[in-house]
N, C-alpha and C. Protein backbone atom coordinates (compact mmCIF):
# COMPACT_ATOMS: atom_id res chain seq x y z
N MET A 1 59.44 14.14 -109.24
CA MET A 1 59.15 14.28 -107.82
C MET A 1 59.22 15.75 -107.43
N HIS A 2 58.23 16.22 -106.68
CA HIS A 2 58.21 17.58 -106.16
C HIS A 2 58.60 17.54 -104.68
N ILE A 3 59.51 18.42 -104.31
CA ILE A 3 59.94 18.56 -102.92
C ILE A 3 59.60 19.97 -102.46
N TYR A 4 58.92 20.08 -101.33
CA TYR A 4 58.51 21.38 -100.81
C TYR A 4 59.30 21.68 -99.53
N LEU A 5 59.88 22.87 -99.49
CA LEU A 5 60.72 23.25 -98.37
C LEU A 5 60.25 24.55 -97.73
N ASP A 6 60.52 24.67 -96.46
CA ASP A 6 60.35 25.94 -95.76
C ASP A 6 61.36 25.95 -94.60
N GLU A 7 61.42 27.07 -93.91
CA GLU A 7 62.43 27.22 -92.86
C GLU A 7 61.79 27.73 -91.59
N SER A 8 62.48 27.50 -90.48
CA SER A 8 62.07 28.05 -89.20
C SER A 8 63.31 28.47 -88.45
N GLY A 9 63.24 29.64 -87.83
CA GLY A 9 64.38 30.15 -87.08
C GLY A 9 65.13 31.22 -87.86
N ASN A 10 66.16 31.76 -87.25
CA ASN A 10 66.99 32.80 -87.85
C ASN A 10 68.45 32.43 -87.73
N LEU A 11 69.20 32.76 -88.77
CA LEU A 11 70.65 32.52 -88.72
C LEU A 11 71.37 33.64 -87.99
N ILE A 12 70.75 34.81 -87.94
CA ILE A 12 71.31 35.92 -87.19
C ILE A 12 70.26 36.44 -86.21
N GLY A 13 70.67 37.25 -85.27
CA GLY A 13 69.73 37.73 -84.27
C GLY A 13 69.81 36.88 -83.02
N LYS A 14 68.92 37.15 -82.09
CA LYS A 14 68.99 36.51 -80.78
C LYS A 14 67.86 35.53 -80.51
N ASP A 15 66.91 35.42 -81.42
CA ASP A 15 65.74 34.58 -81.17
C ASP A 15 66.01 33.12 -81.53
N GLY A 16 65.85 32.24 -80.56
CA GLY A 16 65.94 30.81 -80.82
C GLY A 16 67.34 30.27 -80.88
N GLN A 17 67.45 28.97 -80.60
CA GLN A 17 68.74 28.29 -80.62
C GLN A 17 68.97 27.51 -81.91
N TYR A 18 67.90 27.23 -82.65
CA TYR A 18 68.00 26.34 -83.81
C TYR A 18 67.54 27.02 -85.10
N PHE A 19 68.08 26.51 -86.21
CA PHE A 19 67.60 26.87 -87.54
C PHE A 19 67.29 25.57 -88.26
N ILE A 20 66.11 25.50 -88.85
CA ILE A 20 65.62 24.26 -89.45
C ILE A 20 65.16 24.50 -90.88
N ILE A 21 65.58 23.62 -91.79
CA ILE A 21 64.98 23.54 -93.12
C ILE A 21 64.18 22.24 -93.16
N GLY A 22 62.87 22.39 -93.20
CA GLY A 22 62.01 21.22 -93.26
C GLY A 22 61.49 21.02 -94.67
N SER A 23 61.33 19.78 -95.07
CA SER A 23 60.83 19.50 -96.42
C SER A 23 60.00 18.23 -96.40
N TYR A 24 59.22 18.08 -97.44
CA TYR A 24 58.47 16.84 -97.59
C TYR A 24 58.20 16.60 -99.06
N THR A 25 57.88 15.37 -99.37
CA THR A 25 57.39 15.01 -100.69
C THR A 25 56.11 14.20 -100.49
N VAL A 26 55.28 14.22 -101.50
CA VAL A 26 53.99 13.54 -101.41
C VAL A 26 53.66 12.99 -102.79
N GLY A 27 52.95 11.87 -102.82
CA GLY A 27 52.66 11.24 -104.11
C GLY A 27 51.85 12.12 -105.05
N ASP A 28 50.87 12.83 -104.52
CA ASP A 28 49.98 13.66 -105.34
C ASP A 28 49.89 15.05 -104.72
N PRO A 29 50.62 16.05 -105.26
CA PRO A 29 50.59 17.40 -104.70
C PRO A 29 49.18 18.00 -104.64
N GLN A 30 48.35 17.70 -105.64
CA GLN A 30 46.99 18.25 -105.65
C GLN A 30 46.17 17.69 -104.49
N ARG A 31 46.43 16.44 -104.15
CA ARG A 31 45.68 15.81 -103.07
C ARG A 31 45.96 16.50 -101.73
N ILE A 32 47.23 16.85 -101.46
CA ILE A 32 47.55 17.51 -100.20
C ILE A 32 46.95 18.92 -100.17
N GLU A 33 46.91 19.58 -101.34
CA GLU A 33 46.28 20.89 -101.40
C GLU A 33 44.79 20.80 -101.09
N ASN A 34 44.13 19.85 -101.72
CA ASN A 34 42.69 19.69 -101.49
C ASN A 34 42.40 19.34 -100.03
N ALA A 35 43.22 18.47 -99.47
CA ALA A 35 43.02 18.04 -98.09
C ALA A 35 43.18 19.20 -97.12
N PHE A 36 44.22 20.02 -97.32
CA PHE A 36 44.45 21.14 -96.42
C PHE A 36 43.33 22.18 -96.52
N ARG A 37 42.87 22.45 -97.74
CA ARG A 37 41.78 23.41 -97.92
C ARG A 37 40.48 22.91 -97.28
N ARG A 38 40.22 21.62 -97.39
CA ARG A 38 39.02 21.06 -96.74
C ARG A 38 39.09 21.25 -95.23
N TRP A 39 40.25 20.95 -94.68
CA TRP A 39 40.46 21.12 -93.24
C TRP A 39 40.29 22.59 -92.84
N GLN A 40 40.84 23.48 -93.64
CA GLN A 40 40.73 24.91 -93.37
C GLN A 40 39.28 25.36 -93.30
N ARG A 41 38.48 24.93 -94.26
CA ARG A 41 37.08 25.35 -94.32
C ARG A 41 36.26 24.75 -93.18
N ARG A 42 36.62 23.53 -92.77
CA ARG A 42 35.82 22.83 -91.76
C ARG A 42 36.23 23.12 -90.32
N LYS A 43 37.51 23.35 -90.08
CA LYS A 43 38.01 23.38 -88.72
C LYS A 43 38.55 24.72 -88.25
N PHE A 44 39.03 25.57 -89.15
CA PHE A 44 39.65 26.80 -88.72
C PHE A 44 38.61 27.86 -88.34
N PRO A 45 38.99 28.82 -87.52
CA PRO A 45 38.06 29.91 -87.15
C PRO A 45 37.50 30.61 -88.38
N LYS A 46 36.33 31.19 -88.23
CA LYS A 46 35.60 31.78 -89.35
C LYS A 46 36.47 32.76 -90.15
N LYS A 47 37.24 33.61 -89.47
CA LYS A 47 38.03 34.62 -90.17
C LYS A 47 39.17 34.02 -90.98
N LEU A 48 39.47 32.73 -90.76
CA LEU A 48 40.55 32.07 -91.49
C LEU A 48 40.06 31.12 -92.59
N LYS A 49 38.77 30.87 -92.62
CA LYS A 49 38.24 29.83 -93.52
C LYS A 49 38.52 30.10 -95.00
N ASN A 50 38.58 31.36 -95.39
CA ASN A 50 38.81 31.68 -96.81
C ASN A 50 40.11 32.45 -97.02
N GLN A 51 40.96 32.44 -96.02
CA GLN A 51 42.23 33.16 -96.11
C GLN A 51 43.19 32.40 -97.02
N ALA A 52 43.94 33.11 -97.85
CA ALA A 52 44.83 32.46 -98.82
C ALA A 52 45.97 31.73 -98.14
N GLU A 53 46.47 32.28 -97.05
CA GLU A 53 47.63 31.69 -96.39
C GLU A 53 47.36 31.48 -94.90
N ILE A 54 47.62 30.27 -94.43
CA ILE A 54 47.46 29.94 -93.02
C ILE A 54 48.79 29.42 -92.50
N LYS A 55 49.43 30.17 -91.64
CA LYS A 55 50.73 29.77 -91.11
C LYS A 55 50.57 29.06 -89.76
N PHE A 56 51.55 28.24 -89.47
CA PHE A 56 51.55 27.48 -88.22
C PHE A 56 51.41 28.38 -87.01
N ASN A 57 52.09 29.53 -87.02
CA ASN A 57 52.11 30.42 -85.86
C ASN A 57 51.01 31.48 -85.87
N ASP A 58 50.01 31.30 -86.71
CA ASP A 58 48.91 32.27 -86.74
C ASP A 58 48.29 32.40 -85.34
N SER A 59 48.18 33.62 -84.87
CA SER A 59 47.72 33.86 -83.50
C SER A 59 46.24 33.49 -83.29
N HIS A 60 45.49 33.31 -84.36
CA HIS A 60 44.08 32.96 -84.23
C HIS A 60 43.86 31.45 -84.06
N ILE A 61 44.95 30.69 -84.10
CA ILE A 61 44.84 29.24 -83.99
C ILE A 61 45.29 28.81 -82.60
N SER A 62 44.47 28.04 -81.93
CA SER A 62 44.82 27.55 -80.60
C SER A 62 45.79 26.38 -80.71
N ASP A 63 46.50 26.11 -79.63
CA ASP A 63 47.41 24.96 -79.64
C ASP A 63 46.66 23.64 -79.82
N LYS A 64 45.45 23.58 -79.30
CA LYS A 64 44.65 22.37 -79.49
C LYS A 64 44.37 22.13 -80.97
N LEU A 65 44.01 23.19 -81.69
CA LEU A 65 43.75 23.06 -83.13
C LEU A 65 45.05 22.85 -83.90
N ARG A 66 46.13 23.46 -83.42
CA ARG A 66 47.44 23.27 -84.05
C ARG A 66 47.82 21.78 -84.04
N LEU A 67 47.65 21.16 -82.90
CA LEU A 67 47.98 19.74 -82.77
C LEU A 67 47.08 18.88 -83.65
N LYS A 68 45.79 19.19 -83.68
CA LYS A 68 44.87 18.43 -84.54
C LYS A 68 45.23 18.59 -86.01
N THR A 69 45.66 19.79 -86.39
CA THR A 69 46.02 20.03 -87.79
C THR A 69 47.27 19.26 -88.18
N ILE A 70 48.26 19.24 -87.29
CA ILE A 70 49.47 18.46 -87.56
C ILE A 70 49.14 16.97 -87.66
N ARG A 71 48.25 16.51 -86.80
CA ARG A 71 47.83 15.11 -86.85
C ARG A 71 47.17 14.81 -88.20
N TYR A 72 46.34 15.73 -88.66
CA TYR A 72 45.67 15.58 -89.95
C TYR A 72 46.67 15.59 -91.10
N ILE A 73 47.63 16.51 -91.06
CA ILE A 73 48.66 16.57 -92.11
C ILE A 73 49.46 15.27 -92.14
N ALA A 74 49.77 14.73 -90.98
CA ALA A 74 50.57 13.50 -90.92
C ALA A 74 49.83 12.31 -91.53
N ARG A 75 48.51 12.39 -91.56
CA ARG A 75 47.73 11.30 -92.17
C ARG A 75 47.67 11.38 -93.69
N GLN A 76 48.26 12.41 -94.28
CA GLN A 76 48.17 12.62 -95.73
C GLN A 76 49.32 11.96 -96.51
N ASP A 77 50.00 11.04 -95.90
CA ASP A 77 51.06 10.28 -96.58
C ASP A 77 52.21 11.18 -97.05
N ILE A 78 52.57 12.18 -96.23
CA ILE A 78 53.73 12.99 -96.56
C ILE A 78 54.98 12.30 -96.00
N ARG A 79 56.10 12.48 -96.71
CA ARG A 79 57.37 11.90 -96.28
C ARG A 79 58.33 13.06 -95.99
N ILE A 80 58.75 13.15 -94.75
CA ILE A 80 59.47 14.32 -94.26
C ILE A 80 60.98 14.06 -94.20
N PHE A 81 61.73 15.03 -94.71
CA PHE A 81 63.18 15.04 -94.62
C PHE A 81 63.57 16.44 -94.13
N TYR A 82 64.48 16.52 -93.17
CA TYR A 82 64.86 17.85 -92.72
C TYR A 82 66.29 17.90 -92.21
N ALA A 83 66.86 19.09 -92.27
CA ALA A 83 68.19 19.36 -91.74
C ALA A 83 68.08 20.51 -90.76
N TYR A 84 68.92 20.49 -89.74
CA TYR A 84 68.85 21.55 -88.74
C TYR A 84 70.23 21.76 -88.13
N LEU A 85 70.38 22.87 -87.50
CA LEU A 85 71.64 23.14 -86.80
C LEU A 85 71.36 23.94 -85.54
N LYS A 86 72.23 23.76 -84.58
CA LYS A 86 72.22 24.60 -83.39
C LYS A 86 73.10 25.79 -83.68
N ARG A 87 72.59 26.97 -83.52
CA ARG A 87 73.29 28.16 -83.99
C ARG A 87 74.66 28.32 -83.36
N LYS A 88 74.81 27.89 -82.14
CA LYS A 88 76.11 28.04 -81.49
C LYS A 88 77.18 27.12 -82.10
N ASN A 89 76.75 26.13 -82.90
CA ASN A 89 77.69 25.21 -83.54
C ASN A 89 78.13 25.67 -84.93
N ILE A 90 77.63 26.79 -85.42
CA ILE A 90 77.99 27.26 -86.76
C ILE A 90 79.50 27.51 -86.82
N PRO A 91 80.20 26.94 -87.81
CA PRO A 91 81.66 27.03 -87.87
C PRO A 91 82.20 28.44 -88.11
N GLU A 92 83.47 28.59 -87.85
CA GLU A 92 84.14 29.88 -87.98
C GLU A 92 84.12 30.42 -89.41
N VAL A 93 84.09 29.50 -90.39
CA VAL A 93 84.13 29.95 -91.79
C VAL A 93 82.94 30.84 -92.13
N TYR A 94 81.84 30.71 -91.39
CA TYR A 94 80.66 31.53 -91.63
C TYR A 94 80.57 32.71 -90.66
N ARG A 95 81.63 32.95 -89.92
CA ARG A 95 81.62 34.01 -88.91
C ARG A 95 82.65 35.09 -89.24
N LYS A 96 82.38 36.27 -88.76
CA LYS A 96 83.32 37.38 -88.88
C LYS A 96 83.28 38.15 -87.56
N LYS A 97 84.42 38.17 -86.89
CA LYS A 97 84.50 38.79 -85.56
C LYS A 97 83.48 38.17 -84.60
N GLY A 98 83.32 36.86 -84.74
CA GLY A 98 82.45 36.11 -83.84
C GLY A 98 80.98 36.11 -84.22
N LYS A 99 80.58 36.91 -85.19
CA LYS A 99 79.17 37.00 -85.58
C LYS A 99 78.95 36.30 -86.92
N ILE A 100 77.73 35.74 -87.09
CA ILE A 100 77.41 35.07 -88.35
C ILE A 100 77.45 36.10 -89.47
N HIS A 101 78.23 35.77 -90.51
CA HIS A 101 78.47 36.75 -91.57
C HIS A 101 77.90 36.30 -92.91
N ASP A 102 78.34 35.14 -93.39
CA ASP A 102 77.97 34.72 -94.75
C ASP A 102 76.69 33.90 -94.72
N THR A 103 75.55 34.55 -94.48
CA THR A 103 74.30 33.82 -94.36
C THR A 103 73.87 33.17 -95.67
N GLY A 104 74.23 33.78 -96.80
CA GLY A 104 73.84 33.20 -98.08
C GLY A 104 74.46 31.83 -98.30
N LEU A 105 75.76 31.72 -98.13
CA LEU A 105 76.45 30.44 -98.30
C LEU A 105 75.99 29.43 -97.27
N LEU A 106 75.79 29.88 -96.05
CA LEU A 106 75.34 28.97 -95.00
C LEU A 106 73.95 28.43 -95.32
N TYR A 107 73.07 29.29 -95.80
CA TYR A 107 71.72 28.86 -96.16
C TYR A 107 71.76 27.81 -97.27
N VAL A 108 72.58 28.06 -98.28
CA VAL A 108 72.73 27.09 -99.38
C VAL A 108 73.21 25.75 -98.84
N GLU A 109 74.15 25.77 -97.91
CA GLU A 109 74.67 24.53 -97.34
C GLU A 109 73.58 23.75 -96.60
N ILE A 110 72.71 24.45 -95.89
CA ILE A 110 71.63 23.77 -95.17
C ILE A 110 70.62 23.18 -96.14
N VAL A 111 70.27 23.95 -97.18
CA VAL A 111 69.34 23.42 -98.19
C VAL A 111 69.96 22.23 -98.91
N ARG A 112 71.24 22.35 -99.28
CA ARG A 112 71.92 21.24 -99.95
C ARG A 112 71.88 19.98 -99.09
N SER A 113 72.16 20.15 -97.81
CA SER A 113 72.14 19.02 -96.89
C SER A 113 70.76 18.39 -96.81
N THR A 114 69.73 19.22 -96.84
CA THR A 114 68.35 18.71 -96.80
C THR A 114 68.03 17.92 -98.06
N LEU A 115 68.36 18.48 -99.22
CA LEU A 115 68.05 17.81 -100.49
C LEU A 115 68.86 16.53 -100.67
N GLU A 116 70.06 16.51 -100.13
CA GLU A 116 70.88 15.29 -100.24
C GLU A 116 70.25 14.11 -99.51
N LEU A 117 69.39 14.38 -98.55
CA LEU A 117 68.71 13.29 -97.85
C LEU A 117 67.81 12.50 -98.78
N TYR A 118 67.40 13.12 -99.90
CA TYR A 118 66.54 12.45 -100.87
C TYR A 118 67.32 11.58 -101.84
N LEU A 119 68.64 11.80 -101.89
CA LEU A 119 69.43 11.05 -102.86
C LEU A 119 69.49 9.59 -102.45
N PRO A 120 69.46 8.67 -103.46
CA PRO A 120 69.61 7.26 -103.10
C PRO A 120 70.98 7.05 -102.53
N SER A 121 71.09 6.13 -101.60
CA SER A 121 72.38 5.89 -101.02
C SER A 121 73.12 5.03 -102.01
N THR A 122 72.19 4.19 -103.17
CA THR A 122 72.50 3.69 -104.50
C THR A 122 73.17 4.77 -105.12
N GLU A 123 67.65 36.96 -94.27
CA GLU A 123 68.10 37.42 -94.42
C GLU A 123 68.94 37.00 -95.57
N LEU A 124 68.68 36.44 -96.45
CA LEU A 124 69.34 35.66 -97.40
C LEU A 124 69.56 36.51 -98.63
N GLN A 125 70.80 37.01 -98.77
CA GLN A 125 71.07 37.96 -99.84
C GLN A 125 71.56 37.26 -101.10
N PHE A 126 71.32 35.92 -101.18
CA PHE A 126 71.71 35.18 -102.37
C PHE A 126 70.66 35.38 -103.45
N ILE A 127 71.03 35.82 -104.63
CA ILE A 127 70.05 35.92 -105.71
C ILE A 127 69.72 34.52 -106.19
N GLU A 128 68.52 34.35 -106.72
CA GLU A 128 68.03 33.01 -107.05
C GLU A 128 68.92 32.30 -108.05
N GLN A 129 69.44 33.03 -109.06
CA GLN A 129 70.27 32.38 -110.07
C GLN A 129 71.52 31.78 -109.45
N GLN A 130 72.16 32.52 -108.55
CA GLN A 130 73.35 32.02 -107.90
C GLN A 130 73.02 30.87 -106.96
N PHE A 131 71.87 30.96 -106.30
CA PHE A 131 71.40 29.91 -105.42
C PHE A 131 71.22 28.60 -106.19
N GLN A 132 70.53 28.68 -107.34
CA GLN A 132 70.30 27.50 -108.15
C GLN A 132 71.61 26.93 -108.68
N SER A 133 72.49 27.81 -109.14
CA SER A 133 73.75 27.37 -109.72
C SER A 133 74.58 26.60 -108.69
N THR A 134 74.63 27.12 -107.46
CA THR A 134 75.42 26.46 -106.42
C THR A 134 74.86 25.09 -106.08
N LEU A 135 73.53 24.99 -105.95
CA LEU A 135 72.93 23.71 -105.62
C LEU A 135 73.08 22.70 -106.76
N LYS A 136 72.89 23.17 -107.99
CA LYS A 136 73.03 22.26 -109.13
C LYS A 136 74.45 21.72 -109.22
N THR A 137 75.43 22.58 -109.03
CA THR A 137 76.83 22.14 -109.09
C THR A 137 77.10 21.06 -108.05
N SER A 138 76.49 21.21 -106.88
CA SER A 138 76.71 20.26 -105.80
C SER A 138 75.93 18.96 -105.98
N LEU A 139 74.69 19.05 -106.45
CA LEU A 139 73.80 17.89 -106.43
C LEU A 139 73.71 17.11 -107.73
N LEU A 140 73.80 17.79 -108.87
CA LEU A 140 73.60 17.10 -110.14
C LEU A 140 74.56 15.92 -110.36
N PRO A 141 75.84 16.04 -109.99
CA PRO A 141 76.74 14.89 -110.19
C PRO A 141 76.30 13.65 -109.42
N LYS A 142 75.47 13.82 -108.40
CA LYS A 142 75.04 12.68 -107.58
C LYS A 142 73.70 12.12 -108.02
N LEU A 143 73.06 12.77 -109.01
CA LEU A 143 71.76 12.33 -109.48
C LEU A 143 71.90 11.45 -110.73
N PRO A 144 70.90 10.62 -111.02
CA PRO A 144 70.95 9.79 -112.23
C PRO A 144 71.07 10.64 -113.49
N ALA A 145 71.64 10.06 -114.53
CA ALA A 145 71.80 10.77 -115.81
C ALA A 145 70.44 11.23 -116.33
N LYS A 146 70.44 12.38 -116.99
CA LYS A 146 69.25 12.98 -117.62
C LYS A 146 68.22 13.49 -116.60
N THR A 147 68.61 13.58 -115.34
CA THR A 147 67.70 14.16 -114.35
C THR A 147 67.53 15.66 -114.62
N ILE A 148 66.30 16.13 -114.59
CA ILE A 148 66.02 17.57 -114.71
C ILE A 148 65.85 18.13 -113.30
N PHE A 149 66.72 19.07 -112.95
CA PHE A 149 66.75 19.62 -111.60
C PHE A 149 66.36 21.09 -111.66
N SER A 150 65.25 21.46 -111.03
CA SER A 150 64.75 22.83 -111.10
C SER A 150 64.34 23.30 -109.71
N ILE A 151 64.66 24.56 -109.40
CA ILE A 151 64.31 25.15 -108.12
C ILE A 151 63.46 26.38 -108.36
N GLN A 152 62.38 26.50 -107.61
CA GLN A 152 61.52 27.68 -107.74
C GLN A 152 61.28 28.29 -106.36
N SER A 153 61.44 29.60 -106.28
CA SER A 153 61.04 30.32 -105.07
C SER A 153 59.59 30.74 -105.24
N VAL A 154 58.74 30.27 -104.32
CA VAL A 154 57.30 30.48 -104.46
C VAL A 154 56.77 31.22 -103.24
N ASP A 155 55.93 32.20 -103.47
CA ASP A 155 55.24 32.89 -102.39
C ASP A 155 54.28 31.89 -101.73
N SER A 156 54.45 31.67 -100.44
CA SER A 156 53.63 30.67 -99.77
C SER A 156 52.14 30.99 -99.82
N ALA A 157 51.80 32.25 -99.99
CA ALA A 157 50.38 32.62 -100.10
C ALA A 157 49.74 32.02 -101.34
N SER A 158 50.55 31.69 -102.34
CA SER A 158 50.02 31.13 -103.58
C SER A 158 50.22 29.63 -103.68
N SER A 159 50.77 29.01 -102.63
CA SER A 159 51.06 27.58 -102.68
C SER A 159 50.68 26.92 -101.36
N VAL A 160 49.62 26.13 -101.39
CA VAL A 160 49.21 25.39 -100.20
C VAL A 160 50.29 24.40 -99.80
N GLN A 161 50.96 23.81 -100.79
CA GLN A 161 52.00 22.83 -100.49
C GLN A 161 53.12 23.44 -99.65
N VAL A 162 53.50 24.68 -99.98
CA VAL A 162 54.54 25.36 -99.20
C VAL A 162 54.00 25.71 -97.81
N GLN A 163 52.71 26.03 -97.71
CA GLN A 163 52.12 26.29 -96.40
C GLN A 163 52.18 25.05 -95.51
N VAL A 164 51.98 23.88 -96.11
CA VAL A 164 52.10 22.63 -95.36
C VAL A 164 53.54 22.47 -94.86
N ALA A 165 54.51 22.83 -95.70
CA ALA A 165 55.92 22.79 -95.26
C ALA A 165 56.14 23.72 -94.08
N ASP A 166 55.48 24.88 -94.09
CA ASP A 166 55.56 25.81 -92.95
C ASP A 166 55.03 25.16 -91.68
N TRP A 167 53.94 24.41 -91.79
CA TRP A 167 53.38 23.73 -90.63
C TRP A 167 54.34 22.66 -90.11
N VAL A 168 54.95 21.92 -91.02
CA VAL A 168 55.93 20.91 -90.61
C VAL A 168 57.10 21.57 -89.88
N CYS A 169 57.63 22.65 -90.47
CA CYS A 169 58.75 23.37 -89.86
C CYS A 169 58.37 23.93 -88.50
N GLY A 170 57.18 24.51 -88.42
CA GLY A 170 56.74 25.09 -87.16
C GLY A 170 56.66 24.05 -86.05
N ALA A 171 56.15 22.88 -86.39
CA ALA A 171 56.06 21.80 -85.40
C ALA A 171 57.45 21.33 -84.96
N LEU A 172 58.36 21.18 -85.92
CA LEU A 172 59.72 20.76 -85.59
C LEU A 172 60.41 21.80 -84.71
N ALA A 173 60.19 23.08 -85.02
CA ALA A 173 60.80 24.15 -84.23
C ALA A 173 60.29 24.12 -82.79
N ARG A 174 59.01 23.90 -82.62
CA ARG A 174 58.45 23.80 -81.26
C ARG A 174 59.16 22.70 -80.47
N TYR A 175 59.44 21.59 -81.16
CA TYR A 175 60.09 20.45 -80.50
C TYR A 175 61.53 20.78 -80.12
N TYR A 176 62.30 21.28 -81.08
CA TYR A 176 63.72 21.52 -80.80
C TYR A 176 63.94 22.69 -79.84
N GLU A 177 63.08 23.67 -79.88
CA GLU A 177 63.23 24.81 -78.98
C GLU A 177 62.60 24.53 -77.61
N LYS A 178 62.07 23.30 -77.46
CA LYS A 178 61.48 22.88 -76.19
C LYS A 178 60.35 23.82 -75.74
N LYS A 179 59.51 24.18 -76.67
CA LYS A 179 58.38 25.03 -76.38
C LYS A 179 57.13 24.19 -76.09
N PRO A 180 56.09 24.81 -75.53
CA PRO A 180 54.87 24.05 -75.21
C PRO A 180 54.33 23.30 -76.42
N LEU A 181 53.92 22.06 -76.19
CA LEU A 181 53.33 21.18 -77.20
C LEU A 181 54.38 20.56 -78.12
N GLY A 182 55.65 20.90 -77.94
CA GLY A 182 56.68 20.40 -78.85
C GLY A 182 56.74 18.90 -78.94
N ASN A 183 56.74 18.22 -77.81
CA ASN A 183 56.83 16.75 -77.81
C ASN A 183 55.62 16.11 -78.48
N GLU A 184 54.44 16.68 -78.21
CA GLU A 184 53.21 16.13 -78.81
C GLU A 184 53.21 16.32 -80.33
N LEU A 185 53.64 17.47 -80.78
CA LEU A 185 53.69 17.74 -82.23
C LEU A 185 54.68 16.80 -82.92
N TYR A 186 55.84 16.63 -82.30
CA TYR A 186 56.85 15.74 -82.89
C TYR A 186 56.35 14.30 -82.94
N ALA A 187 55.66 13.89 -81.90
CA ALA A 187 55.13 12.52 -81.87
C ALA A 187 54.18 12.26 -83.02
N GLU A 188 53.39 13.28 -83.40
CA GLU A 188 52.45 13.12 -84.52
C GLU A 188 53.19 12.98 -85.85
N LEU A 189 54.33 13.66 -85.98
CA LEU A 189 55.08 13.64 -87.25
C LEU A 189 56.09 12.50 -87.33
N LYS A 190 56.41 11.90 -86.21
CA LYS A 190 57.54 10.97 -86.14
C LYS A 190 57.46 9.86 -87.18
N ARG A 191 56.29 9.30 -87.38
CA ARG A 191 56.14 8.19 -88.33
C ARG A 191 56.35 8.62 -89.77
N ASN A 192 56.23 9.93 -90.02
CA ASN A 192 56.40 10.45 -91.38
C ASN A 192 57.83 10.87 -91.67
N ILE A 193 58.66 10.93 -90.64
CA ILE A 193 60.05 11.39 -90.82
C ILE A 193 60.89 10.26 -91.37
N ILE A 194 61.42 10.46 -92.57
CA ILE A 194 62.24 9.44 -93.21
C ILE A 194 63.72 9.62 -92.84
N GLN A 195 64.20 10.86 -92.94
CA GLN A 195 65.59 11.14 -92.58
C GLN A 195 65.72 12.54 -92.02
N GLN A 196 66.74 12.72 -91.18
CA GLN A 196 67.06 14.03 -90.65
C GLN A 196 68.58 14.14 -90.53
N ASN A 197 69.07 15.36 -90.50
CA ASN A 197 70.51 15.55 -90.42
C ASN A 197 70.82 16.80 -89.62
N GLU A 198 71.62 16.64 -88.57
CA GLU A 198 72.08 17.80 -87.81
C GLU A 198 73.44 18.23 -88.35
N LEU A 199 73.55 19.47 -88.76
CA LEU A 199 74.80 19.99 -89.31
C LEU A 199 75.70 20.50 -88.19
N PHE A 200 76.99 20.29 -88.38
CA PHE A 200 78.04 20.86 -87.52
C PHE A 200 77.92 20.44 -86.06
N SER A 201 77.29 19.32 -85.78
CA SER A 201 77.05 18.94 -84.38
C SER A 201 78.35 18.70 -83.61
N ASP A 202 79.38 18.25 -84.31
CA ASP A 202 80.64 17.96 -83.61
C ASP A 202 81.77 18.90 -84.03
N TYR A 203 81.42 20.02 -84.69
CA TYR A 203 82.46 20.90 -85.22
C TYR A 203 83.39 21.43 -84.13
N TRP A 204 82.79 21.99 -83.07
CA TRP A 204 83.62 22.60 -82.03
C TRP A 204 84.31 21.55 -81.18
N THR A 205 83.73 20.35 -81.07
CA THR A 205 84.42 19.25 -80.38
C THR A 205 85.69 18.88 -81.10
N LYS A 206 85.59 18.76 -82.44
CA LYS A 206 86.78 18.43 -83.24
C LYS A 206 87.81 19.53 -83.16
N ARG A 207 87.38 20.78 -83.17
CA ARG A 207 88.31 21.90 -83.06
C ARG A 207 89.06 21.84 -81.74
N TRP A 208 88.37 21.48 -80.68
CA TRP A 208 88.98 21.42 -79.35
C TRP A 208 90.01 20.29 -79.27
N GLU A 209 89.71 19.18 -80.00
CA GLU A 209 90.59 18.01 -79.95
C GLU A 209 91.85 18.19 -80.79
N GLN A 210 91.84 19.14 -81.73
CA GLN A 210 92.99 19.33 -82.61
C GLN A 210 94.16 19.98 -81.87
């Protein structure tokens, strides 16, 4: 099984309230690539028809076309799993003097939480080797014996599948940040969403109750 992930938002800085790791799996990765490229050639503006990478937030794409594209992606039998957090809920362990400090560990935790959704109930300064090692240590004990677990960092310009993940993330971000078209975009994806997980939602409530 191939799982494609992308992110939306920032763990540090002042832009946005949420950080999202969106992911999906699909029965035939080549089919989603072919479908997206067909849509690109037929529907996108002329200057984008042969562009290697098309992002959700591309300024040449209208909101009307954005919504149609998400509707088209949702028809491709993708199964969406995602994890998200509200930045103000990030626990103290990831903060230093009130500011988000350990973004590498926090990022790994969000990715781990996203990937765990697939398990049967039966600024990121982390180098890739350490990133893989941390996730494998956490997830492999929960996977069936002889499972081969591999993570690859891929330039989205060379992977249509990752670009589709960017579109999914972009739509989810519009919804959570309460931006224009957010509700409509989420409605198109809703039937494809299998599981979601909000991290640290009750962290500060529990701290207050202690």
